[in-house]
Each structure stands twice: as structure tokens, then as C-alpha cells.
């Protein structure tokens, strides 16, 4: 199974993913977390072509591993993927990476891929400028997923406890699905 978790900065993605991975691993699942999205890299110039290649290659590796381990309760969790690259490329790197949106059509045809968009009202952040920046990113992500052919589950979480509770609920859902 492949789980893609999208969301703006400081929404609780990593907290949710780590809690989910811990629960699933305790229940005997093999969990791999993918989160290498190099916005800046000393080894190569970060371009939209390079970011497309990274996203594509990571997804193909996860897809192959999922197929190779279909009977072994293997789960690959992406801490951001193509929606983030589309939104962040435009906002912070100055390019529109429409190529990564091709993943959507492909993903919509794969039954063992699930996608979650985590959202927040950011009441835990006091810096209003940061709240507005993160809300803008969140809005752009929501706008983009509404155009997608693939399905997203949209979940609002407000704090670490909510992220943990959501992880418990998703772990149960994944365990049922993979029986």
C-alpha cells in the first residue's frame, strides 16, 4: 500500500506520519517513510525537471516495492508528493511544474494508493504573517486537489493529540483494508 500525505507547513504531517508508522509497526507492518523533497540541494540544481524526476522515481520505487511485498503488509508513506511540488514550486521556486500533475491520472487508476490532505486553522501559531502564509498554501493545495481525478481524504487537525487520534483511526482503516 502507498499512502500520500499532503499538507501545508506546520499542519502536523510529520507528527501524524510518525504516530501512524509507530502504530502500524507495532502491529507487524513494514513501514517506509519517503520525505526527501530537496527544495535546495548542493549536489544538483533544483529545477522543475529535476523535481519531476525525483517525484516520479520515488513513486515508481514505492510502487515496485508495494507490488513485491503485497503479502507482507508493506506500506510506503509519502510525507508530501506531487501536489506539494506543484504548489511549492510555484510559490517558492518560481516555476509551474504541470508535469507532476500527470501523477494524478496515473494514481487514480491504482487501487492501493490512498491520499490525505491534512489541514489546520493554525491556532497553535502566534505569528499572523506565518498563519496567512500557511493558509495560502493550504488553500492552493485544496484548490488543486478539487481538480484531481484521484481521491483525497481531507482531515483537519489542530494539535499533536488530534494528529495522534487521527493516526489511530487511520491505522485501523489500513489494517482492515489490508486483511
C-alpha atoms as a PDB file:
ATOM      1  CA  UNK A   1       0.000   0.000   0.000  1.00  0.00           C
ATOM      2  CA  UNK A   2       1.079   3.568  -0.676  1.00  0.00           C
ATOM      3  CA  UNK A   3      -0.193   6.461   1.442  1.00  0.00           C
ATOM      4  CA  UNK A   4       0.447  10.024   0.294  1.00  0.00           C
ATOM      5  CA  UNK A   5       0.118  12.687   2.993  1.00  0.00           C
ATOM      6  CA  UNK A   6      -0.065  16.268   1.754  1.00  0.00           C
ATOM      7  CA  UNK A   7      -0.446  19.493   3.690  1.00  0.00           C
ATOM      8  CA  UNK A   8       0.991  22.916   4.306  1.00  0.00           C
ATOM      9  CA  UNK A   9       3.816  23.729   6.710  1.00  0.00           C
ATOM     10  CA  UNK A  10       3.210  23.139  10.439  1.00  0.00           C
ATOM     11  CA  UNK A  11      -0.067  21.285   9.882  1.00  0.00           C
ATOM     12  CA  UNK A  12       1.103  18.135  11.669  1.00  0.00           C
ATOM     13  CA  UNK A  13       2.039  15.858   8.752  1.00  0.00           C
ATOM     14  CA  UNK A  14       5.218  14.519  10.310  1.00  0.00           C
ATOM     15  CA  UNK A  15       3.583  14.080  13.731  1.00  0.00           C
ATOM     16  CA  UNK A  16       0.701  12.186  12.103  1.00  0.00           C
ATOM     17  CA  UNK A  17       3.010  10.077   9.914  1.00  0.00           C
ATOM     18  CA  UNK A  18       5.339   9.149  12.774  1.00  0.00           C
ATOM     19  CA  UNK A  19       2.419   8.206  15.036  1.00  0.00           C
ATOM     20  CA  UNK A  20       0.831   6.151  12.247  1.00  0.00           C
ATOM     21  CA  UNK A  21       4.124   4.406  11.443  1.00  0.00           C
ATOM     22  CA  UNK A  22       4.681   3.547  15.121  1.00  0.00           C
ATOM     23  CA  UNK A  23       1.195   2.029  15.448  1.00  0.00           C
ATOM     24  CA  UNK A  24       1.485   0.040  12.227  1.00  0.00           C
ATOM     25  CA  UNK A  25       4.990  -1.220  13.013  1.00  0.00           C
ATOM     26  CA  UNK A  26       3.827  -2.326  16.470  1.00  0.00           C
ATOM     27  CA  UNK A  27       1.103  -4.307  14.696  1.00  0.00           C
ATOM     28  CA  UNK A  28       3.635  -6.052  12.443  1.00  0.00           C
ATOM     29  CA  UNK A  29       3.586  -3.861   9.338  1.00  0.00           C
ATOM     30  CA  UNK A  30       6.699  -2.902   7.406  1.00  0.00           C
ATOM     31  CA  UNK A  31       6.587   0.898   7.069  1.00  0.00           C
ATOM     32  CA  UNK A  32       8.843   3.048   4.919  1.00  0.00           C
ATOM     33  CA  UNK A  33       8.588   6.844   5.003  1.00  0.00           C
ATOM     34  CA  UNK A  34       9.575   8.907   1.960  1.00  0.00           C
ATOM     35  CA  UNK A  35      10.227  12.569   2.642  1.00  0.00           C
ATOM     36  CA  UNK A  36      13.149  13.692   0.541  1.00  0.00           C
ATOM     37  CA  UNK A  37      11.912  16.725  -1.302  1.00  0.00           C
ATOM     38  CA  UNK A  38      15.079  18.777  -1.808  1.00  0.00           C
ATOM     39  CA  UNK A  39      13.965  22.382  -2.190  1.00  0.00           C
ATOM     40  CA  UNK A  40      17.658  23.290  -2.054  1.00  0.00           C
ATOM     41  CA  UNK A  41      20.422  20.861  -2.847  1.00  0.00           C
ATOM     42  CA  UNK A  42      24.183  21.250  -3.096  1.00  0.00           C
ATOM     43  CA  UNK A  43      24.570  18.224  -5.384  1.00  0.00           C
ATOM     44  CA  UNK A  44      22.424  19.471  -8.249  1.00  0.00           C
ATOM     45  CA  UNK A  45      20.411  22.468  -9.385  1.00  0.00           C
ATOM     46  CA  UNK A  46      16.799  22.182  -8.301  1.00  0.00           C
ATOM     47  CA  UNK A  47      14.680  22.624 -11.413  1.00  0.00           C
ATOM     48  CA  UNK A  48      11.142  21.596 -12.235  1.00  0.00           C
ATOM     49  CA  UNK A  49      12.556  18.825 -14.421  1.00  0.00           C
ATOM     50  CA  UNK A  50      14.716  17.524 -11.563  1.00  0.00           C
ATOM     51  CA  UNK A  51      11.840  17.711  -9.076  1.00  0.00           C
ATOM     52  CA  UNK A  52       9.609  15.814 -11.525  1.00  0.00           C
ATOM     53  CA  UNK A  53      12.291  13.124 -11.848  1.00  0.00           C
ATOM     54  CA  UNK A  54      12.660  12.849  -8.057  1.00  0.00           C
ATOM     55  CA  UNK A  55       8.897  12.588  -7.529  1.00  0.00           C
ATOM     56  CA  UNK A  56       8.499  10.101 -10.397  1.00  0.00           C
ATOM     57  CA  UNK A  57      11.417   7.900  -9.373  1.00  0.00           C
ATOM     58  CA  UNK A  58      10.378   7.831  -5.706  1.00  0.00           C
ATOM     59  CA  UNK A  59       6.836   6.841  -6.641  1.00  0.00           C
ATOM     60  CA  UNK A  60       7.978   4.126  -9.061  1.00  0.00           C
ATOM     61  CA  UNK A  61      10.275   2.665  -6.370  1.00  0.00           C
ATOM     62  CA  UNK A  62       7.402   2.669  -3.865  1.00  0.00           C
ATOM     63  CA  UNK A  63       5.060   1.106  -6.408  1.00  0.00           C
ATOM     64  CA  UNK A  64       7.549  -1.667  -7.198  1.00  0.00           C
ATOM     65  CA  UNK A  65       8.212  -2.312  -3.509  1.00  0.00           C
ATOM     66  CA  UNK A  66       4.472  -2.436  -2.797  1.00  0.00           C
ATOM     67  CA  UNK A  67       3.954  -4.990  -5.561  1.00  0.00           C
ATOM     68  CA  UNK A  68       6.973  -7.043  -4.462  1.00  0.00           C
ATOM     69  CA  UNK A  69       5.725  -7.093  -0.852  1.00  0.00           C
ATOM     70  CA  UNK A  70       1.974  -7.347  -1.395  1.00  0.00           C
ATOM     71  CA  UNK A  71       1.652 -10.274   1.026  1.00  0.00           C
ATOM     72  CA  UNK A  72       3.977  -8.810   3.661  1.00  0.00           C
ATOM     73  CA  UNK A  73       1.936  -5.880   4.988  1.00  0.00           C
ATOM     74  CA  UNK A  74       4.254  -3.297   3.416  1.00  0.00           C
ATOM     75  CA  UNK A  75       3.255   0.376   3.495  1.00  0.00           C
ATOM     76  CA  UNK A  76       5.120   3.296   1.971  1.00  0.00           C
ATOM     77  CA  UNK A  77       4.084   6.673   3.365  1.00  0.00           C
ATOM     78  CA  UNK A  78       4.982   9.808   1.422  1.00  0.00           C
ATOM     79  CA  UNK A  79       5.475  12.936   3.525  1.00  0.00           C
ATOM     80  CA  UNK A  80       4.453  15.203   0.638  1.00  0.00           C
ATOM     81  CA  UNK A  81       4.370  14.344  -3.038  1.00  0.00           C
ATOM     82  CA  UNK A  82       3.178  15.779  -6.333  1.00  0.00           C
ATOM     83  CA  UNK A  83       0.584  18.270  -5.029  1.00  0.00           C
ATOM     84  CA  UNK A  84       3.200  19.813  -2.733  1.00  0.00           C
ATOM     85  CA  UNK A  85       5.711  20.012  -5.577  1.00  0.00           C
ATOM     86  CA  UNK A  86       3.127  21.767  -7.750  1.00  0.00           C
ATOM     87  CA  UNK A  87       2.182  24.319  -5.077  1.00  0.00           C
ATOM     88  CA  UNK A  88       5.643  24.892  -3.560  1.00  0.00           C
ATOM     89  CA  UNK A  89       7.367  25.027  -6.944  1.00  0.00           C
ATOM     90  CA  UNK A  90       5.091  27.861  -7.945  1.00  0.00           C
ATOM     91  CA  UNK A  91       5.253  29.696  -4.607  1.00  0.00           C
ATOM     92  CA  UNK A  92       8.912  29.369  -3.612  1.00  0.00           C
ATOM     93  CA  UNK A  93      10.922  28.276  -6.640  1.00  0.00           C
ATOM     94  CA  UNK A  94       9.270  30.425  -9.304  1.00  0.00           C
ATOM     95  CA  UNK A  95       8.042  27.764 -11.718  1.00  0.00           C
ATOM     96  CA  UNK A  96       4.857  25.903 -12.575  1.00  0.00           C
ATOM     97  CA  UNK A  97       5.502  22.177 -12.621  1.00  0.00           C
ATOM     98  CA  UNK A  98       2.484  20.914 -14.543  1.00  0.00           C
ATOM     99  CA  UNK A  99       4.383  17.706 -15.305  1.00  0.00           C
ATOM    100  CA  UNK A 100       3.919  16.437 -11.741  1.00  0.00           C
ATOM    101  CA  UNK A 101       0.149  16.688 -12.168  1.00  0.00           C
ATOM    102  CA  UNK A 102       0.377  13.749 -14.585  1.00  0.00           C
ATOM    103  CA  UNK A 103       0.749  11.593 -11.465  1.00  0.00           C
ATOM    104  CA  UNK A 104      -2.878  12.279 -10.616  1.00  0.00           C
ATOM    105  CA  UNK A 105      -4.307  10.431 -13.619  1.00  0.00           C
ATOM    106  CA  UNK A 106      -1.934   7.520 -13.015  1.00  0.00           C
ATOM    107  CA  UNK A 107      -2.644   7.369  -9.267  1.00  0.00           C
ATOM    108  CA  UNK A 108      -6.399   7.459  -9.849  1.00  0.00           C
ATOM    109  CA  UNK A 109      -6.097   4.029 -11.515  1.00  0.00           C
ATOM    110  CA  UNK A 110      -4.171   2.314  -8.676  1.00  0.00           C
ATOM    111  CA  UNK A 111      -6.428   0.775  -6.017  1.00  0.00           C
ATOM    112  CA  UNK A 112      -3.767   0.509  -3.298  1.00  0.00           C
ATOM    113  CA  UNK A 113      -2.857   4.214  -3.186  1.00  0.00           C
ATOM    114  CA  UNK A 114      -4.568   6.472  -0.656  1.00  0.00           C
ATOM    115  CA  UNK A 115      -4.121  10.218  -0.331  1.00  0.00           C
ATOM    116  CA  UNK A 116      -4.750  12.505   2.601  1.00  0.00           C
ATOM    117  CA  UNK A 117      -4.676  16.294   2.750  1.00  0.00           C
ATOM    118  CA  UNK A 118      -4.140  17.465   6.320  1.00  0.00           C
ATOM    119  CA  UNK A 119      -5.450  20.934   7.106  1.00  0.00           C
ATOM    120  CA  UNK A 120      -5.404  23.257  10.094  1.00  0.00           C
ATOM    121  CA  UNK A 121      -6.758  26.591  11.298  1.00  0.00           C
ATOM    122  CA  UNK A 122      -3.276  27.227  12.741  1.00  0.00           C
ATOM    123  CA  UNK A 123      -4.494  28.368  16.142  1.00  0.00           C
ATOM    124  CA  UNK A 124      -1.238  26.948  17.554  1.00  0.00           C
ATOM    125  CA  UNK A 125       0.854  29.563  15.691  1.00  0.00           C
ATOM    126  CA  UNK A 126       1.076  33.096  17.068  1.00  0.00           C
ATOM    127  CA  UNK A 127       2.830  34.787  14.128  1.00  0.00           C
ATOM    128  CA  UNK A 128      -0.050  36.101  11.991  1.00  0.00           C
ATOM    129  CA  UNK A 129       2.152  36.509   8.922  1.00  0.00           C
ATOM    130  CA  UNK A 130       3.108  32.813   9.101  1.00  0.00           C
ATOM    131  CA  UNK A 131      -0.530  31.819   9.628  1.00  0.00           C
ATOM    132  CA  UNK A 132      -1.519  33.734   6.478  1.00  0.00           C
ATOM    133  CA  UNK A 133       1.355  32.190   4.504  1.00  0.00           C
ATOM    134  CA  UNK A 134       0.430  28.647   5.591  1.00  0.00           C
ATOM    135  CA  UNK A 135      -3.286  29.242   4.993  1.00  0.00           C
ATOM    136  CA  UNK A 136      -2.491  30.480   1.483  1.00  0.00           C
ATOM    137  CA  UNK A 137      -0.534  27.281   0.764  1.00  0.00           C
ATOM    138  CA  UNK A 138      -3.341  25.195   2.249  1.00  0.00           C
ATOM    139  CA  UNK A 139      -5.914  26.991   0.079  1.00  0.00           C
ATOM    140  CA  UNK A 140      -3.819  26.357  -3.055  1.00  0.00           C
ATOM    141  CA  UNK A 141      -3.497  22.676  -2.169  1.00  0.00           C
ATOM    142  CA  UNK A 142      -7.246  22.365  -1.605  1.00  0.00           C
ATOM    143  CA  UNK A 143      -7.946  24.153  -4.887  1.00  0.00           C
ATOM    144  CA  UNK A 144      -5.596  21.793  -6.731  1.00  0.00           C
ATOM    145  CA  UNK A 145      -6.996  18.565  -5.256  1.00  0.00           C
ATOM    146  CA  UNK A 146     -10.513  19.633  -6.257  1.00  0.00           C
ATOM    147  CA  UNK A 147      -9.272  19.421  -9.868  1.00  0.00           C
ATOM    148  CA  UNK A 148      -7.799  15.941  -9.393  1.00  0.00           C
ATOM    149  CA  UNK A 149      -9.242  12.718 -10.769  1.00  0.00           C
ATOM    150  CA  UNK A 150      -7.819  10.749  -7.850  1.00  0.00           C
ATOM    151  CA  UNK A 151      -9.469  10.789  -4.440  1.00  0.00           C
ATOM    152  CA  UNK A 152      -8.220  12.632  -1.372  1.00  0.00           C
ATOM    153  CA  UNK A 153      -9.412  12.381   2.188  1.00  0.00           C
ATOM    154  CA  UNK A 154      -9.326  15.853   3.761  1.00  0.00           C
ATOM    155  CA  UNK A 155      -8.739  15.895   7.516  1.00  0.00           C
ATOM    156  CA  UNK A 156      -8.480  18.849   9.889  1.00  0.00           C
ATOM    157  CA  UNK A 157      -6.162  18.502  12.875  1.00  0.00           C
ATOM    158  CA  UNK A 158      -5.400  21.172  15.431  1.00  0.00           C
ATOM    159  CA  UNK A 159      -2.715  19.749  17.690  1.00  0.00           C
ATOM    160  CA  UNK A 160      -0.487  16.768  18.414  1.00  0.00           C
ATOM    161  CA  UNK A 161      -3.288  14.935  20.252  1.00  0.00           C
ATOM    162  CA  UNK A 162      -5.555  15.283  17.216  1.00  0.00           C
ATOM    163  CA  UNK A 163      -2.744  14.030  14.960  1.00  0.00           C
ATOM    164  CA  UNK A 164      -2.303  11.012  17.244  1.00  0.00           C
ATOM    165  CA  UNK A 165      -6.038  10.297  17.316  1.00  0.00           C
ATOM    166  CA  UNK A 166      -6.216  10.516  13.534  1.00  0.00           C
ATOM    167  CA  UNK A 167      -3.240   8.130  13.298  1.00  0.00           C
ATOM    168  CA  UNK A 168      -5.095   5.584  15.462  1.00  0.00           C
ATOM    169  CA  UNK A 169      -8.179   5.845  13.230  1.00  0.00           C
ATOM    170  CA  UNK A 170      -6.140   5.535  10.010  1.00  0.00           C
ATOM    171  CA  UNK A 171      -4.167   2.579  11.374  1.00  0.00           C
ATOM    172  CA  UNK A 172      -7.457   0.735  11.970  1.00  0.00           C
ATOM    173  CA  UNK A 173      -8.628   1.650   8.472  1.00  0.00           C
ATOM    174  CA  UNK A 174      -5.382   0.443   6.882  1.00  0.00           C
ATOM    175  CA  UNK A 175      -5.364  -2.795   8.886  1.00  0.00           C
ATOM    176  CA  UNK A 176      -8.949  -3.543   7.790  1.00  0.00           C
ATOM    177  CA  UNK A 177      -8.159  -2.731   4.182  1.00  0.00           C
ATOM    178  CA  UNK A 178      -5.080  -4.963   4.099  1.00  0.00           C
ATOM    179  CA  UNK A 179      -6.737  -8.042   5.656  1.00  0.00           C
END
